[in-house]
Amino acid sequence: MATDKRQFTLRLQEENFQKIKVIAEKSKRSIAMQIEFLVEQYIAEYENEHGVIEIPEGDE
């Protein structure tokens, strides 16, 4: 299955990983999708407070 999502390595403290794992299971998401959901939530909150984040062209 092809995806346009960028891959990268994420290092977490073991306790944080385990807590996200529990939240993901309760939310019926994979750990990766739970982390993506949390990032999206944070970005929305940030933009709500500070305005839309402009991404310069060519920053991929």
N, C-alpha and C. Protein backbone atom coordinates (compact mmCIF):
# COMPACT_ATOMS: atom_id res chain seq x y z
N MET A 1 0.85 -1.17 0.00
CA MET A 1 0.00 0.00 0.00
C MET A 1 0.89 1.24 0.00
N ALA A 2 0.79 2.07 -1.03
CA ALA A 2 1.61 3.27 -1.16
C ALA A 2 1.06 4.37 -0.26
N THR A 3 1.96 5.22 0.20
CA THR A 3 1.56 6.34 1.04
C THR A 3 2.41 7.55 0.72
N ASP A 4 1.85 8.72 0.94
CA ASP A 4 2.61 9.95 0.72
C ASP A 4 3.13 10.51 2.04
N LYS A 5 3.06 9.72 3.10
CA LYS A 5 3.51 10.18 4.41
C LYS A 5 5.03 10.06 4.53
N ARG A 6 5.63 11.06 5.12
CA ARG A 6 7.07 11.07 5.32
C ARG A 6 7.41 10.18 6.52
N GLN A 7 8.43 9.36 6.35
CA GLN A 7 8.91 8.50 7.44
C GLN A 7 10.06 9.18 8.16
N PHE A 8 10.13 8.97 9.46
CA PHE A 8 11.27 9.43 10.24
C PHE A 8 11.32 8.62 11.53
N THR A 9 12.46 8.66 12.18
CA THR A 9 12.64 7.94 13.43
C THR A 9 12.23 8.84 14.58
N LEU A 10 11.48 8.29 15.51
CA LEU A 10 11.06 9.03 16.70
C LEU A 10 11.50 8.23 17.92
N ARG A 11 12.24 8.88 18.77
CA ARG A 11 12.67 8.23 20.01
C ARG A 11 11.84 8.80 21.16
N LEU A 12 11.27 7.91 21.96
CA LEU A 12 10.45 8.31 23.10
C LEU A 12 10.96 7.64 24.36
N GLN A 13 10.75 8.30 25.47
CA GLN A 13 10.98 7.66 26.75
C GLN A 13 10.03 6.46 26.84
N GLU A 14 10.47 5.38 27.44
CA GLU A 14 9.67 4.15 27.53
C GLU A 14 8.30 4.42 28.15
N GLU A 15 8.27 5.21 29.20
CA GLU A 15 7.00 5.49 29.88
C GLU A 15 6.02 6.21 28.94
N ASN A 16 6.51 7.19 28.19
CA ASN A 16 5.64 7.90 27.25
C ASN A 16 5.15 6.97 26.15
N PHE A 17 6.02 6.10 25.65
CA PHE A 17 5.62 5.14 24.62
C PHE A 17 4.51 4.24 25.14
N GLN A 18 4.68 3.72 26.33
CA GLN A 18 3.67 2.81 26.90
C GLN A 18 2.34 3.53 27.12
N LYS A 19 2.38 4.78 27.55
CA LYS A 19 1.14 5.53 27.77
C LYS A 19 0.43 5.81 26.45
N ILE A 20 1.20 6.17 25.42
CA ILE A 20 0.59 6.39 24.10
C ILE A 20 0.01 5.09 23.57
N LYS A 21 0.69 3.99 23.81
CA LYS A 21 0.19 2.69 23.39
C LYS A 21 -1.18 2.40 24.02
N VAL A 22 -1.31 2.68 25.31
CA VAL A 22 -2.59 2.45 26.00
C VAL A 22 -3.68 3.34 25.40
N ILE A 23 -3.36 4.63 25.20
CA ILE A 23 -4.33 5.56 24.62
C ILE A 23 -4.74 5.10 23.22
N ALA A 24 -3.76 4.67 22.42
CA ALA A 24 -4.04 4.20 21.06
C ALA A 24 -4.98 3.00 21.08
N GLU A 25 -4.71 2.06 21.96
CA GLU A 25 -5.56 0.87 22.05
C GLU A 25 -6.99 1.26 22.43
N LYS A 26 -7.13 2.18 23.38
CA LYS A 26 -8.47 2.61 23.80
C LYS A 26 -9.19 3.38 22.70
N SER A 27 -8.40 4.02 21.83
CA SER A 27 -8.97 4.80 20.73
C SER A 27 -9.09 3.98 19.44
N LYS A 28 -8.69 2.71 19.53
CA LYS A 28 -8.72 1.80 18.38
C LYS A 28 -7.89 2.35 17.21
N ARG A 29 -6.69 2.87 17.56
CA ARG A 29 -5.74 3.37 16.56
C ARG A 29 -4.42 2.65 16.75
N SER A 30 -3.63 2.65 15.69
CA SER A 30 -2.26 2.17 15.84
C SER A 30 -1.48 3.24 16.60
N ILE A 31 -0.33 2.89 17.11
CA ILE A 31 0.50 3.85 17.82
C ILE A 31 0.88 5.00 16.88
N ALA A 32 1.26 4.67 15.65
CA ALA A 32 1.65 5.71 14.68
C ALA A 32 0.48 6.66 14.41
N MET A 33 -0.71 6.11 14.23
CA MET A 33 -1.87 6.97 13.96
C MET A 33 -2.24 7.80 15.19
N GLN A 34 -2.03 7.26 16.38
CA GLN A 34 -2.31 8.02 17.60
C GLN A 34 -1.34 9.20 17.70
N ILE A 35 -0.07 8.96 17.42
CA ILE A 35 0.91 10.04 17.46
C ILE A 35 0.57 11.09 16.40
N GLU A 36 0.20 10.65 15.20
CA GLU A 36 -0.18 11.60 14.15
C GLU A 36 -1.40 12.43 14.59
N PHE A 37 -2.38 11.79 15.20
CA PHE A 37 -3.56 12.47 15.71
C PHE A 37 -3.18 13.52 16.74
N LEU A 38 -2.28 13.18 17.66
CA LEU A 38 -1.85 14.12 18.69
C LEU A 38 -1.12 15.31 18.09
N VAL A 39 -0.28 15.05 17.09
CA VAL A 39 0.45 16.12 16.42
C VAL A 39 -0.55 17.06 15.72
N GLU A 40 -1.52 16.48 15.02
CA GLU A 40 -2.54 17.28 14.33
C GLU A 40 -3.33 18.13 15.31
N GLN A 41 -3.67 17.56 16.47
CA GLN A 41 -4.39 18.30 17.51
C GLN A 41 -3.56 19.49 17.98
N TYR A 42 -2.28 19.24 18.25
CA TYR A 42 -1.41 20.30 18.75
C TYR A 42 -1.25 21.41 17.72
N ILE A 43 -1.07 21.04 16.46
CA ILE A 43 -0.93 22.04 15.39
C ILE A 43 -2.19 22.90 15.31
N ALA A 44 -3.35 22.27 15.37
CA ALA A 44 -4.61 23.01 15.31
C ALA A 44 -4.72 23.98 16.49
N GLU A 45 -4.36 23.55 17.68
CA GLU A 45 -4.41 24.42 18.86
C GLU A 45 -3.42 25.58 18.71
N TYR A 46 -2.22 25.28 18.23
CA TYR A 46 -1.19 26.30 18.04
C TYR A 46 -1.66 27.35 17.03
N GLU A 47 -2.18 26.87 15.89
CA GLU A 47 -2.64 27.79 14.84
C GLU A 47 -3.85 28.60 15.31
N ASN A 48 -4.69 28.02 16.11
CA ASN A 48 -5.83 28.74 16.66
C ASN A 48 -5.37 29.91 17.52
N GLU A 49 -4.29 29.71 18.25
CA GLU A 49 -3.76 30.74 19.14
C GLU A 49 -2.85 31.74 18.42
N HIS A 50 -2.05 31.25 17.46
CA HIS A 50 -1.00 32.07 16.84
C HIS A 50 -1.22 32.39 15.36
N GLY A 51 -2.22 31.81 14.76
CA GLY A 51 -2.44 32.00 13.33
C GLY A 51 -1.87 30.84 12.52
N VAL A 52 -2.29 30.79 11.28
CA VAL A 52 -1.89 29.69 10.39
C VAL A 52 -0.38 29.71 10.18
N ILE A 53 0.22 28.56 10.25
CA ILE A 53 1.66 28.41 10.01
C ILE A 53 1.87 28.38 8.50
N GLU A 54 2.63 29.33 8.00
CA GLU A 54 2.95 29.37 6.58
C GLU A 54 4.17 28.50 6.33
N ILE A 55 4.08 27.61 5.36
CA ILE A 55 5.19 26.72 5.01
C ILE A 55 5.82 27.26 3.73
N PRO A 56 7.11 27.65 3.81
CA PRO A 56 7.77 28.17 2.61
C PRO A 56 7.81 27.11 1.50
N GLU A 57 7.65 27.57 0.26
CA GLU A 57 7.71 26.64 -0.88
C GLU A 57 9.09 26.00 -0.94
N GLY A 58 9.12 24.74 -1.32
CA GLY A 58 10.37 24.02 -1.45
C GLY A 58 10.82 23.34 -0.17
N ASP A 59 10.13 23.54 0.94
CA ASP A 59 10.48 22.86 2.20
C ASP A 59 9.76 21.53 2.27
N GLU A 60 10.37 20.54 1.68
CA GLU A 60 9.76 19.20 1.70
C GLU A 60 10.65 18.24 2.42
